[in-house]
Amino acid sequence: MIIPKLHYISQGNSPKEHLENIQKACTSGAELVQLHLKNISEKKLLKLAKEAREITAHFQTRLLINDYYKIAKEVKADGVHLGKTDTCPTIARKFLHSWQLIGGTANTLIDCQKLLVKEVDYISLSPFRLSKNTTNLSPVLGLNGYTLILEALETETPIIGFGGITTEDVAAILETGVSGIAVSEAITNDFNTIRIFNQLLKASSTEEQRYTFE
């Protein structure tokens, strides 16, 4: 299974805006988007997830649902992203279809090691730097933190960098051994940056990191 190198994490001041931004991301060439809505009823999220699935299916874009793994299964999303306080990936794995991806959030080497034992498909390692949307108060990792963690892990599981990343950061981040990046703010501010990110990541389908289930 191939994990795209660029993940767009949806942003917006309203649920409607999240969907509009997902549409813009798909139109601009995003290969994977994550519907990231918090503090919303499951009923309302299910409706939004169905709409997001329709949008992404039209563009053949992968869709991940943040946190709500049961909704991810119901709308046949491509997978789920689980934060540190969300459901354990092992529990979600038993519930989801075998083809659905599970990603997990990590802030430290220990977090990464715990997620690898739970056999997640990719790890989102954050924060690279603090951004104004960061609610997580974990220490900023930066290039040095990424390098140290990646060297210690020696894993084939894709590690995705996240947290205030801009196009200027990509080349240096890739040198740390990180497989790809997740971006929210920089893309929401200008969807044209998706093309630039993709070029910098060389995220064509032939060059993507290939990751297969054993």
Foldseek 3Di string as FASTA:
>chain_A
DFDFQEEEEFDDPDLVNSLVLLLLLLVLPAQEYEDDDPPDDPVVVLVSVLSSLVSCVVSNHAYEYEQPLVSCQVSVGQAYEYEPPGDQLLVSCVVHDVRHAYEYEDAALVRVVVVVVSPHQEYEYDDCDADPPDPDPRDHQHLVNLLVSCVVPVDLRAYEYEHPDALVCLVSNVVSVHQHYYDYVNCSVPVNCSVSRCVSNVRDPVPTRDDDDD
